[in-house]
């Protein structure tokens, strides 16, 4: 919606929702929807949400647990609907536009190069520049690390975070840089403590330790850095970092690994020049060159969606 608002004057009403009885609902709702039973009854049974009484002009949702509500609200109001992500056993053609990172073969499917993001590179750069002048005294290069945690088939142990911290200290020494760090809820307090203990204090310029003080300055850190790093376990974080249009390294650590579809998306990002992939412990020899501005892809996606919906 952020990028669509650059083309159309829109008013957005966000509707928080919670899927009740998740496993049971995921089994029953596809059948309910296929049989075209009462959408309002299904919404009241399956979801805790306050849906609007006035009909919207467009319904947009993302994430598997919202897919059923998206369809049921579309049937209630009879307006176009956009869904981003896996359809949870629903055919993609049930949506007016179905956005995915890999093709589904459906007639309404639009394959995205990048997921929609509320990150605008120019705004991030300006916010980062102002924040850096106020908060950081280091006048040489800054690298930023965005830490996720367990997810996408990847599991982190304490030693994985320790290994990452040691690697960061070495990079800081070899390149004469300082780190900006932002952990997250998924880092876990144990992982966060291990990472913090392993990074030499003189390698840090600023850190947001989420489990101690979750400052909402992630985008400022991205804009302040000369090169960004992000762990490979969160596609949403990777998309945000790409949208910041800074040189980017996707760091691969922890045990396990993503499935083939997830890995294919990361490989596509690499081939397009959005990022470089690097194993923790591997030699970091250079800041990658940014060769693909994300804003061009976001703008192209909006134009295609508006065209599909016949909105000029």
C-alpha atoms as a PDB file:
ATOM      1  CA  UNK A   1       0.000   0.000   0.000  1.00  0.00           C
ATOM      2  CA  UNK A   2       2.961   2.316   0.655  1.00  0.00           C
ATOM      3  CA  UNK A   3       4.074   2.177  -2.974  1.00  0.00           C
ATOM      4  CA  UNK A   4       0.511   2.259  -4.318  1.00  0.00           C
ATOM      5  CA  UNK A   5      -0.046   5.516  -2.428  1.00  0.00           C
ATOM      6  CA  UNK A   6       2.612   7.120  -4.616  1.00  0.00           C
ATOM      7  CA  UNK A   7       0.281   6.647  -7.597  1.00  0.00           C
ATOM      8  CA  UNK A   8      -3.183   7.032  -6.073  1.00  0.00           C
ATOM      9  CA  UNK A   9      -4.641   8.970  -3.161  1.00  0.00           C
ATOM     10  CA  UNK A  10      -5.793   6.197  -0.840  1.00  0.00           C
ATOM     11  CA  UNK A  11      -7.125   5.819   2.665  1.00  0.00           C
ATOM     12  CA  UNK A  12      -5.993   2.642   4.395  1.00  0.00           C
ATOM     13  CA  UNK A  13      -7.890   0.958   7.218  1.00  0.00           C
ATOM     14  CA  UNK A  14      -5.891  -1.785   8.926  1.00  0.00           C
ATOM     15  CA  UNK A  15      -7.885  -4.657  10.415  1.00  0.00           C
ATOM     16  CA  UNK A  16      -5.956  -6.780  12.960  1.00  0.00           C
ATOM     17  CA  UNK A  17      -7.078 -10.393  13.038  1.00  0.00           C
ATOM     18  CA  UNK A  18      -6.379 -13.637  14.849  1.00  0.00           C
ATOM     19  CA  UNK A  19      -7.212 -17.071  13.465  1.00  0.00           C
ATOM     20  CA  UNK A  20      -8.971 -19.138  16.114  1.00  0.00           C
ATOM     21  CA  UNK A  21      -8.269 -22.880  16.398  1.00  0.00           C
ATOM     22  CA  UNK A  22      -5.563 -22.632  13.747  1.00  0.00           C
ATOM     23  CA  UNK A  23      -5.218 -26.289  12.714  1.00  0.00           C
ATOM     24  CA  UNK A  24      -8.965 -26.967  12.694  1.00  0.00           C
ATOM     25  CA  UNK A  25      -9.717 -23.719  10.862  1.00  0.00           C
ATOM     26  CA  UNK A  26      -7.159 -24.492   8.148  1.00  0.00           C
ATOM     27  CA  UNK A  27      -8.886 -27.828   7.542  1.00  0.00           C
ATOM     28  CA  UNK A  28     -12.473 -26.566   7.543  1.00  0.00           C
ATOM     29  CA  UNK A  29     -12.250 -23.156   5.845  1.00  0.00           C
ATOM     30  CA  UNK A  30     -11.064 -24.365   2.396  1.00  0.00           C
ATOM     31  CA  UNK A  31     -14.140 -26.642   2.236  1.00  0.00           C
ATOM     32  CA  UNK A  32     -16.404 -23.866   3.523  1.00  0.00           C
ATOM     33  CA  UNK A  33     -15.096 -21.461   0.881  1.00  0.00           C
ATOM     34  CA  UNK A  34     -15.393 -23.986  -1.972  1.00  0.00           C
ATOM     35  CA  UNK A  35     -19.033 -24.603  -1.053  1.00  0.00           C
ATOM     36  CA  UNK A  36     -19.759 -20.826  -1.002  1.00  0.00           C
ATOM     37  CA  UNK A  37     -21.338 -20.959   2.433  1.00  0.00           C
ATOM     38  CA  UNK A  38     -22.223 -17.835   4.451  1.00  0.00           C
ATOM     39  CA  UNK A  39     -19.017 -15.707   4.570  1.00  0.00           C
ATOM     40  CA  UNK A  40     -20.008 -13.716   7.666  1.00  0.00           C
ATOM     41  CA  UNK A  41     -20.777 -16.859   9.645  1.00  0.00           C
ATOM     42  CA  UNK A  42     -17.387 -18.263   8.650  1.00  0.00           C
ATOM     43  CA  UNK A  43     -15.602 -15.038   9.631  1.00  0.00           C
ATOM     44  CA  UNK A  44     -17.264 -14.956  13.042  1.00  0.00           C
ATOM     45  CA  UNK A  45     -16.472 -18.631  13.646  1.00  0.00           C
ATOM     46  CA  UNK A  46     -12.842 -18.622  12.489  1.00  0.00           C
ATOM     47  CA  UNK A  47     -11.503 -15.165  13.299  1.00  0.00           C
ATOM     48  CA  UNK A  48     -11.287 -12.668  16.099  1.00  0.00           C
ATOM     49  CA  UNK A  49     -11.570  -9.429  14.112  1.00  0.00           C
ATOM     50  CA  UNK A  50     -13.626  -6.276  13.763  1.00  0.00           C
ATOM     51  CA  UNK A  51     -14.230  -6.075  10.035  1.00  0.00           C
ATOM     52  CA  UNK A  52     -15.480  -2.818   8.500  1.00  0.00           C
ATOM     53  CA  UNK A  53     -19.206  -2.328   8.033  1.00  0.00           C
ATOM     54  CA  UNK A  54     -18.771  -0.016   5.042  1.00  0.00           C
ATOM     55  CA  UNK A  55     -17.525  -1.713   1.872  1.00  0.00           C
ATOM     56  CA  UNK A  56     -13.905  -0.965   0.946  1.00  0.00           C
ATOM     57  CA  UNK A  57     -12.767  -0.493  -2.646  1.00  0.00           C
ATOM     58  CA  UNK A  58      -9.946  -3.024  -2.303  1.00  0.00           C
ATOM     59  CA  UNK A  59      -8.910  -5.766   0.137  1.00  0.00           C
ATOM     60  CA  UNK A  60      -5.199  -6.466   0.642  1.00  0.00           C
ATOM     61  CA  UNK A  61      -3.605  -8.985   2.989  1.00  0.00           C
ATOM     62  CA  UNK A  62      -0.355 -10.887   3.417  1.00  0.00           C
ATOM     63  CA  UNK A  63       0.521 -14.101   5.210  1.00  0.00           C
ATOM     64  CA  UNK A  64      -1.155 -17.489   5.235  1.00  0.00           C
ATOM     65  CA  UNK A  65      -3.476 -16.950   8.190  1.00  0.00           C
ATOM     66  CA  UNK A  66      -5.077 -13.945   6.451  1.00  0.00           C
ATOM     67  CA  UNK A  67      -5.883 -15.767   3.207  1.00  0.00           C
ATOM     68  CA  UNK A  68      -9.248 -17.145   4.331  1.00  0.00           C
ATOM     69  CA  UNK A  69     -10.357 -13.802   5.789  1.00  0.00           C
ATOM     70  CA  UNK A  70      -9.314 -12.098   2.563  1.00  0.00           C
ATOM     71  CA  UNK A  71     -11.584 -14.346   0.485  1.00  0.00           C
ATOM     72  CA  UNK A  72     -14.494 -14.227   2.929  1.00  0.00           C
ATOM     73  CA  UNK A  73     -14.394 -10.418   3.082  1.00  0.00           C
ATOM     74  CA  UNK A  74     -14.224 -10.272  -0.710  1.00  0.00           C
ATOM     75  CA  UNK A  75     -17.396 -12.358  -0.883  1.00  0.00           C
ATOM     76  CA  UNK A  76     -19.045 -10.191   1.739  1.00  0.00           C
ATOM     77  CA  UNK A  77     -18.321  -6.906  -0.082  1.00  0.00           C
ATOM     78  CA  UNK A  78     -17.869  -7.988  -3.714  1.00  0.00           C
ATOM     79  CA  UNK A  79     -14.703  -5.917  -4.297  1.00  0.00           C
ATOM     80  CA  UNK A  80     -11.288  -6.830  -5.780  1.00  0.00           C
ATOM     81  CA  UNK A  81      -8.809  -8.526  -3.467  1.00  0.00           C
ATOM     82  CA  UNK A  82      -5.018  -8.843  -3.430  1.00  0.00           C
ATOM     83  CA  UNK A  83      -3.186 -11.540  -1.500  1.00  0.00           C
ATOM     84  CA  UNK A  84       0.557 -11.796  -0.913  1.00  0.00           C
ATOM     85  CA  UNK A  85       2.009 -15.221  -0.128  1.00  0.00           C
ATOM     86  CA  UNK A  86       0.988 -18.872  -0.084  1.00  0.00           C
ATOM     87  CA  UNK A  87      -2.741 -19.438  -0.512  1.00  0.00           C
ATOM     88  CA  UNK A  88      -3.125 -22.031   2.265  1.00  0.00           C
ATOM     89  CA  UNK A  89      -4.775 -24.718   0.091  1.00  0.00           C
ATOM     90  CA  UNK A  90      -6.823 -22.103  -1.759  1.00  0.00           C
ATOM     91  CA  UNK A  91      -6.456 -21.818  -5.516  1.00  0.00           C
ATOM     92  CA  UNK A  92      -4.664 -18.593  -6.456  1.00  0.00           C
ATOM     93  CA  UNK A  93      -7.413 -17.608  -8.896  1.00  0.00           C
ATOM     94  CA  UNK A  94      -9.718 -17.006  -5.947  1.00  0.00           C
ATOM     95  CA  UNK A  95      -7.876 -13.673  -5.576  1.00  0.00           C
ATOM     96  CA  UNK A  96      -8.088 -10.814  -8.086  1.00  0.00           C
ATOM     97  CA  UNK A  97      -4.296 -10.566  -7.863  1.00  0.00           C
ATOM     98  CA  UNK A  98      -2.124 -13.213  -6.192  1.00  0.00           C
ATOM     99  CA  UNK A  99       1.423 -11.994  -5.503  1.00  0.00           C
ATOM    100  CA  UNK A 100       4.201 -14.552  -5.014  1.00  0.00           C
ATOM    101  CA  UNK A 101       7.982 -14.690  -5.344  1.00  0.00           C
ATOM    102  CA  UNK A 102       7.776 -17.860  -7.445  1.00  0.00           C
ATOM    103  CA  UNK A 103       5.203 -18.680 -10.156  1.00  0.00           C
ATOM    104  CA  UNK A 104       2.112 -20.683  -9.203  1.00  0.00           C
ATOM    105  CA  UNK A 105       0.710 -21.103 -12.701  1.00  0.00           C
ATOM    106  CA  UNK A 106      -2.552 -19.367 -11.788  1.00  0.00           C
ATOM    107  CA  UNK A 107      -4.225 -16.898 -14.094  1.00  0.00           C
ATOM    108  CA  UNK A 108      -4.199 -14.083 -11.521  1.00  0.00           C
ATOM    109  CA  UNK A 109      -0.654 -14.773 -10.316  1.00  0.00           C
ATOM    110  CA  UNK A 110       1.850 -11.917 -10.472  1.00  0.00           C
ATOM    111  CA  UNK A 111       5.416 -12.984  -9.754  1.00  0.00           C
ATOM    112  CA  UNK A 112       7.223 -10.348  -7.726  1.00  0.00           C
ATOM    113  CA  UNK A 113      10.912  -9.666  -7.958  1.00  0.00           C
ATOM    114  CA  UNK A 114      10.695  -8.226  -4.432  1.00  0.00           C
ATOM    115  CA  UNK A 115       7.969  -8.330  -1.819  1.00  0.00           C
ATOM    116  CA  UNK A 116       6.178  -5.017  -1.200  1.00  0.00           C
ATOM    117  CA  UNK A 117       7.924  -2.930   1.438  1.00  0.00           C
ATOM    118  CA  UNK A 118       7.336   0.323   3.297  1.00  0.00           C
ATOM    119  CA  UNK A 119      11.044   1.118   2.945  1.00  0.00           C
ATOM    120  CA  UNK A 120      11.826   4.071   0.684  1.00  0.00           C
ATOM    121  CA  UNK A 121      15.556   4.307  -0.041  1.00  0.00           C
ATOM    122  CA  UNK A 122      15.661   8.112  -0.150  1.00  0.00           C
ATOM    123  CA  UNK A 123      13.783   8.472   3.133  1.00  0.00           C
ATOM    124  CA  UNK A 124      15.948   5.809   4.789  1.00  0.00           C
ATOM    125  CA  UNK A 125      19.140   7.510   3.596  1.00  0.00           C
ATOM    126  CA  UNK A 126      18.066  10.902   4.953  1.00  0.00           C
ATOM    127  CA  UNK A 127      16.928   9.463   8.298  1.00  0.00           C
ATOM    128  CA  UNK A 128      20.170   7.493   8.581  1.00  0.00           C
ATOM    129  CA  UNK A 129      22.313  10.508   7.770  1.00  0.00           C
ATOM    130  CA  UNK A 130      20.637  12.644  10.449  1.00  0.00           C
ATOM    131  CA  UNK A 131      20.752   9.883  13.052  1.00  0.00           C
ATOM    132  CA  UNK A 132      24.431   9.147  12.364  1.00  0.00           C
ATOM    133  CA  UNK A 133      25.397  12.787  12.908  1.00  0.00           C
ATOM    134  CA  UNK A 134      23.618  12.811  16.266  1.00  0.00           C
ATOM    135  CA  UNK A 135      24.355   9.334  17.645  1.00  0.00           C
ATOM    136  CA  UNK A 136      27.721   8.131  16.306  1.00  0.00           C
ATOM    137  CA  UNK A 137      31.128   9.764  16.676  1.00  0.00           C
ATOM    138  CA  UNK A 138      32.944   7.312  14.350  1.00  0.00           C
ATOM    139  CA  UNK A 139      33.825   9.136  11.109  1.00  0.00           C
ATOM    140  CA  UNK A 140      34.982   6.138   9.058  1.00  0.00           C
ATOM    141  CA  UNK A 141      32.919   3.347   7.484  1.00  0.00           C
ATOM    142  CA  UNK A 142      30.013   1.784   9.364  1.00  0.00           C
ATOM    143  CA  UNK A 143      28.646  -1.709   8.702  1.00  0.00           C
ATOM    144  CA  UNK A 144      25.189  -2.677   9.973  1.00  0.00           C
ATOM    145  CA  UNK A 145      24.121  -6.194  10.985  1.00  0.00           C
ATOM    146  CA  UNK A 146      20.401  -7.044  11.157  1.00  0.00           C
ATOM    147  CA  UNK A 147      19.964 -10.228  13.206  1.00  0.00           C
ATOM    148  CA  UNK A 148      16.984 -12.515  12.840  1.00  0.00           C
ATOM    149  CA  UNK A 149      16.937 -15.925  14.496  1.00  0.00           C
ATOM    150  CA  UNK A 150      15.331 -19.335  14.221  1.00  0.00           C
ATOM    151  CA  UNK A 151      13.209 -19.546  11.088  1.00  0.00           C
ATOM    152  CA  UNK A 152      13.058 -20.695   7.447  1.00  0.00           C
ATOM    153  CA  UNK A 153      14.489 -24.078   8.459  1.00  0.00           C
ATOM    154  CA  UNK A 154      17.494 -22.505  10.196  1.00  0.00           C
ATOM    155  CA  UNK A 155      18.281 -23.058  13.886  1.00  0.00           C
ATOM    156  CA  UNK A 156      20.864 -21.119  15.853  1.00  0.00           C
ATOM    157  CA  UNK A 157      22.804 -22.460  18.814  1.00  0.00           C
ATOM    158  CA  UNK A 158      24.760 -20.346  21.298  1.00  0.00           C
ATOM    159  CA  UNK A 159      28.005 -21.239  19.542  1.00  0.00           C
ATOM    160  CA  UNK A 160      26.608 -19.954  16.238  1.00  0.00           C
ATOM    161  CA  UNK A 161      26.062 -16.499  17.736  1.00  0.00           C
ATOM    162  CA  UNK A 162      29.496 -16.618  19.354  1.00  0.00           C
ATOM    163  CA  UNK A 163      31.069 -17.513  16.028  1.00  0.00           C
ATOM    164  CA  UNK A 164      29.261 -14.612  14.365  1.00  0.00           C
ATOM    165  CA  UNK A 165      30.490 -12.151  16.991  1.00  0.00           C
ATOM    166  CA  UNK A 166      34.091 -13.303  16.600  1.00  0.00           C
ATOM    167  CA  UNK A 167      33.809 -12.955  12.810  1.00  0.00           C
ATOM    168  CA  UNK A 168      32.414  -9.424  13.169  1.00  0.00           C
ATOM    169  CA  UNK A 169      35.316  -8.440  15.422  1.00  0.00           C
ATOM    170  CA  UNK A 170      37.794  -9.716  12.853  1.00  0.00           C
ATOM    171  CA  UNK A 171      36.086  -7.815  10.020  1.00  0.00           C
ATOM    172  CA  UNK A 172      36.088  -4.622  12.102  1.00  0.00           C
ATOM    173  CA  UNK A 173      39.830  -4.945  12.664  1.00  0.00           C
ATOM    174  CA  UNK A 174      40.735  -5.861   9.085  1.00  0.00           C
ATOM    175  CA  UNK A 175      38.628  -3.130   7.427  1.00  0.00           C
ATOM    176  CA  UNK A 176      38.916  -0.458  10.127  1.00  0.00           C
ATOM    177  CA  UNK A 177      35.146  -0.188  10.455  1.00  0.00           C
ATOM    178  CA  UNK A 178      32.662  -0.169  13.314  1.00  0.00           C
ATOM    179  CA  UNK A 179      29.429  -2.105  13.530  1.00  0.00           C
ATOM    180  CA  UNK A 180      25.844  -1.041  14.009  1.00  0.00           C
ATOM    181  CA  UNK A 181      23.819  -3.992  15.326  1.00  0.00           C
ATOM    182  CA  UNK A 182      20.106  -4.635  15.650  1.00  0.00           C
ATOM    183  CA  UNK A 183      18.882  -7.914  17.117  1.00  0.00           C
ATOM    184  CA  UNK A 184      15.222  -8.986  17.132  1.00  0.00           C
ATOM    185  CA  UNK A 185      12.716 -11.041  19.082  1.00  0.00           C
ATOM    186  CA  UNK A 186      13.731 -14.179  17.169  1.00  0.00           C
ATOM    187  CA  UNK A 187      17.380 -13.758  18.136  1.00  0.00           C
ATOM    188  CA  UNK A 188      16.339 -14.946  21.650  1.00  0.00           C
ATOM    189  CA  UNK A 189      17.807 -13.436  24.802  1.00  0.00           C
ATOM    190  CA  UNK A 190      20.343 -16.281  25.038  1.00  0.00           C
ATOM    191  CA  UNK A 191      21.532 -15.761  21.474  1.00  0.00           C
ATOM    192  CA  UNK A 192      21.660 -12.010  21.971  1.00  0.00           C
ATOM    193  CA  UNK A 193      23.803 -12.384  25.094  1.00  0.00           C
ATOM    194  CA  UNK A 194      26.199 -14.735  23.305  1.00  0.00           C
ATOM    195  CA  UNK A 195      26.576 -12.353  20.365  1.00  0.00           C
ATOM    196  CA  UNK A 196      27.104  -9.366  22.637  1.00  0.00           C
ATOM    197  CA  UNK A 197      29.768 -11.172  24.647  1.00  0.00           C
ATOM    198  CA  UNK A 198      31.651 -12.243  21.507  1.00  0.00           C
ATOM    199  CA  UNK A 199      31.894  -8.822  19.825  1.00  0.00           C
ATOM    200  CA  UNK A 200      34.838  -6.756  20.997  1.00  0.00           C
ATOM    201  CA  UNK A 201      33.531  -3.480  22.506  1.00  0.00           C
ATOM    202  CA  UNK A 202      35.800  -1.422  20.259  1.00  0.00           C
ATOM    203  CA  UNK A 203      34.203  -3.068  17.191  1.00  0.00           C
ATOM    204  CA  UNK A 204      30.785  -1.541  18.003  1.00  0.00           C
ATOM    205  CA  UNK A 205      29.582   1.955  17.209  1.00  0.00           C
ATOM    206  CA  UNK A 206      25.961   1.401  18.293  1.00  0.00           C
ATOM    207  CA  UNK A 207      23.776  -1.578  19.159  1.00  0.00           C
ATOM    208  CA  UNK A 208      20.071  -2.162  19.629  1.00  0.00           C
ATOM    209  CA  UNK A 209      19.793  -5.206  21.880  1.00  0.00           C
ATOM    210  CA  UNK A 210      16.123  -6.037  21.368  1.00  0.00           C
ATOM    211  CA  UNK A 211      15.668  -8.069  24.554  1.00  0.00           C
ATOM    212  CA  UNK A 212      17.057  -5.225  26.678  1.00  0.00           C
ATOM    213  CA  UNK A 213      15.875  -2.077  24.911  1.00  0.00           C
ATOM    214  CA  UNK A 214      14.004  -2.574  21.606  1.00  0.00           C
ATOM    215  CA  UNK A 215      14.561   0.844  20.013  1.00  0.00           C
ATOM    216  CA  UNK A 216      12.492   1.278  16.809  1.00  0.00           C
ATOM    217  CA  UNK A 217      15.387   2.659  14.729  1.00  0.00           C
ATOM    218  CA  UNK A 218      16.083  -0.250  12.360  1.00  0.00           C
ATOM    219  CA  UNK A 219      15.570   1.806   9.192  1.00  0.00           C
ATOM    220  CA  UNK A 220      17.821   4.568  10.533  1.00  0.00           C
ATOM    221  CA  UNK A 221      20.593   2.018  11.062  1.00  0.00           C
ATOM    222  CA  UNK A 222      20.177   0.744   7.499  1.00  0.00           C
ATOM    223  CA  UNK A 223      20.423   4.283   6.159  1.00  0.00           C
ATOM    224  CA  UNK A 224      23.417   5.188   8.328  1.00  0.00           C
ATOM    225  CA  UNK A 225      25.546   2.227   7.229  1.00  0.00           C
ATOM    226  CA  UNK A 226      27.932   2.098   4.290  1.00  0.00           C
ATOM    227  CA  UNK A 227      27.219  -1.636   3.932  1.00  0.00           C
ATOM    228  CA  UNK A 228      24.410  -3.729   5.403  1.00  0.00           C
ATOM    229  CA  UNK A 229      24.489  -7.360   6.528  1.00  0.00           C
ATOM    230  CA  UNK A 230      21.437  -9.486   7.335  1.00  0.00           C
ATOM    231  CA  UNK A 231      21.089 -13.074   8.532  1.00  0.00           C
ATOM    232  CA  UNK A 232      19.518 -15.385   5.969  1.00  0.00           C
ATOM    233  CA  UNK A 233      16.604 -16.651   8.074  1.00  0.00           C
ATOM    234  CA  UNK A 234      14.025 -13.904   7.394  1.00  0.00           C
ATOM    235  CA  UNK A 235      12.814 -13.084   3.887  1.00  0.00           C
ATOM    236  CA  UNK A 236      10.999  -9.988   5.162  1.00  0.00           C
ATOM    237  CA  UNK A 237      14.190  -8.575   6.719  1.00  0.00           C
ATOM    238  CA  UNK A 238      16.141  -9.357   3.549  1.00  0.00           C
ATOM    239  CA  UNK A 239      13.512  -7.525   1.476  1.00  0.00           C
ATOM    240  CA  UNK A 240      13.699  -4.504   3.787  1.00  0.00           C
ATOM    241  CA  UNK A 241      17.479  -4.405   3.489  1.00  0.00           C
ATOM    242  CA  UNK A 242      17.319  -4.687  -0.309  1.00  0.00           C
ATOM    243  CA  UNK A 243      14.766  -1.868  -0.427  1.00  0.00           C
ATOM    244  CA  UNK A 244      17.181   0.393   1.481  1.00  0.00           C
ATOM    245  CA  UNK A 245      19.381   0.306  -1.663  1.00  0.00           C
ATOM    246  CA  UNK A 246      22.660  -0.063   0.189  1.00  0.00           C
ATOM    247  CA  UNK A 247      25.391  -2.633  -0.556  1.00  0.00           C
ATOM    248  CA  UNK A 248      24.093  -5.818   1.088  1.00  0.00           C
ATOM    249  CA  UNK A 249      25.556  -9.117   2.289  1.00  0.00           C
ATOM    250  CA  UNK A 250      23.241 -11.986   3.283  1.00  0.00           C
ATOM    251  CA  UNK A 251      25.038 -13.925   6.034  1.00  0.00           C
ATOM    252  CA  UNK A 252      24.495 -17.672   6.160  1.00  0.00           C
ATOM    253  CA  UNK A 253      25.021 -19.290   9.542  1.00  0.00           C
ATOM    254  CA  UNK A 254      23.337 -21.594  12.020  1.00  0.00           C
ATOM    255  CA  UNK A 255      22.279 -25.192  11.479  1.00  0.00           C
ATOM    256  CA  UNK A 256      19.893 -26.583   8.891  1.00  0.00           C
ATOM    257  CA  UNK A 257      18.951 -24.451   5.929  1.00  0.00           C
ATOM    258  CA  UNK A 258      16.102 -23.030   3.853  1.00  0.00           C
ATOM    259  CA  UNK A 259      14.066 -25.146   1.449  1.00  0.00           C
ATOM    260  CA  UNK A 260      14.606 -25.096  -2.305  1.00  0.00           C
ATOM    261  CA  UNK A 261      12.038 -22.368  -3.029  1.00  0.00           C
ATOM    262  CA  UNK A 262      13.523 -20.037  -0.412  1.00  0.00           C
ATOM    263  CA  UNK A 263      17.031 -20.748  -1.651  1.00  0.00           C
ATOM    264  CA  UNK A 264      15.951 -20.088  -5.252  1.00  0.00           C
ATOM    265  CA  UNK A 265      14.709 -16.639  -4.243  1.00  0.00           C
ATOM    266  CA  UNK A 266      18.016 -15.840  -2.533  1.00  0.00           C
ATOM    267  CA  UNK A 267      19.885 -16.986  -5.621  1.00  0.00           C
ATOM    268  CA  UNK A 268      17.674 -14.772  -7.799  1.00  0.00           C
ATOM    269  CA  UNK A 269      18.443 -11.800  -5.559  1.00  0.00           C
ATOM    270  CA  UNK A 270      22.153 -12.507  -5.956  1.00  0.00           C
ATOM    271  CA  UNK A 271      21.962 -12.815  -9.739  1.00  0.00           C
ATOM    272  CA  UNK A 272      20.019  -9.540  -9.999  1.00  0.00           C
ATOM    273  CA  UNK A 273      22.724  -7.753  -8.024  1.00  0.00           C
ATOM    274  CA  UNK A 274      20.638  -7.022  -4.923  1.00  0.00           C
ATOM    275  CA  UNK A 275      23.057  -8.739  -2.572  1.00  0.00           C
ATOM    276  CA  UNK A 276      25.997 -11.058  -2.055  1.00  0.00           C
ATOM    277  CA  UNK A 277      25.729 -14.304  -0.074  1.00  0.00           C
ATOM    278  CA  UNK A 278      28.458 -15.214   2.409  1.00  0.00           C
ATOM    279  CA  UNK A 279      28.974 -17.942   4.976  1.00  0.00           C
ATOM    280  CA  UNK A 280      29.869 -16.840   8.484  1.00  0.00           C
ATOM    281  CA  UNK A 281      33.585 -17.639   8.986  1.00  0.00           C
ATOM    282  CA  UNK A 282      34.271 -17.077   5.274  1.00  0.00           C
ATOM    283  CA  UNK A 283      36.679 -14.363   4.230  1.00  0.00           C
ATOM    284  CA  UNK A 284      35.032 -11.012   3.625  1.00  0.00           C
ATOM    285  CA  UNK A 285      37.181  -9.323   1.009  1.00  0.00           C
ATOM    286  CA  UNK A 286      35.132  -6.403  -0.298  1.00  0.00           C
ATOM    287  CA  UNK A 287      31.975  -4.341  -0.024  1.00  0.00           C
ATOM    288  CA  UNK A 288      29.683  -5.550  -2.830  1.00  0.00           C
ATOM    289  CA  UNK A 289      28.660  -3.151  -5.556  1.00  0.00           C
ATOM    290  CA  UNK A 290      24.960  -2.326  -5.667  1.00  0.00           C
ATOM    291  CA  UNK A 291      23.742  -2.878  -9.218  1.00  0.00           C
ATOM    292  CA  UNK A 292      19.946  -3.068  -8.947  1.00  0.00           C
ATOM    293  CA  UNK A 293      17.837  -0.271  -7.374  1.00  0.00           C
ATOM    294  CA  UNK A 294      14.876  -1.856  -5.617  1.00  0.00           C
ATOM    295  CA  UNK A 295      12.605   1.151  -6.168  1.00  0.00           C
ATOM    296  CA  UNK A 296      12.430   0.411  -9.900  1.00  0.00           C
ATOM    297  CA  UNK A 297      11.037  -3.052  -9.172  1.00  0.00           C
ATOM    298  CA  UNK A 298       8.556  -1.766  -6.562  1.00  0.00           C
ATOM    299  CA  UNK A 299       7.251   0.857  -9.000  1.00  0.00           C
ATOM    300  CA  UNK A 300       6.934  -1.700 -11.805  1.00  0.00           C
ATOM    301  CA  UNK A 301       4.978  -4.039  -9.515  1.00  0.00           C
ATOM    302  CA  UNK A 302       2.493  -1.314  -8.568  1.00  0.00           C
ATOM    303  CA  UNK A 303       1.916  -0.444 -12.222  1.00  0.00           C
ATOM    304  CA  UNK A 304       1.252  -4.098 -13.066  1.00  0.00           C
ATOM    305  CA  UNK A 305      -1.183  -4.501 -10.168  1.00  0.00           C
ATOM    306  CA  UNK A 306      -3.084  -1.342 -11.109  1.00  0.00           C
ATOM    307  CA  UNK A 307      -3.228  -2.583 -14.685  1.00  0.00           C
ATOM    308  CA  UNK A 308      -4.607  -5.950 -13.589  1.00  0.00           C
ATOM    309  CA  UNK A 309      -7.276  -4.214 -11.539  1.00  0.00           C
ATOM    310  CA  UNK A 310      -8.009  -1.751 -14.375  1.00  0.00           C
ATOM    311  CA  UNK A 311      -7.128   1.185 -12.138  1.00  0.00           C
ATOM    312  CA  UNK A 312      -5.409   4.052 -13.938  1.00  0.00           C
END
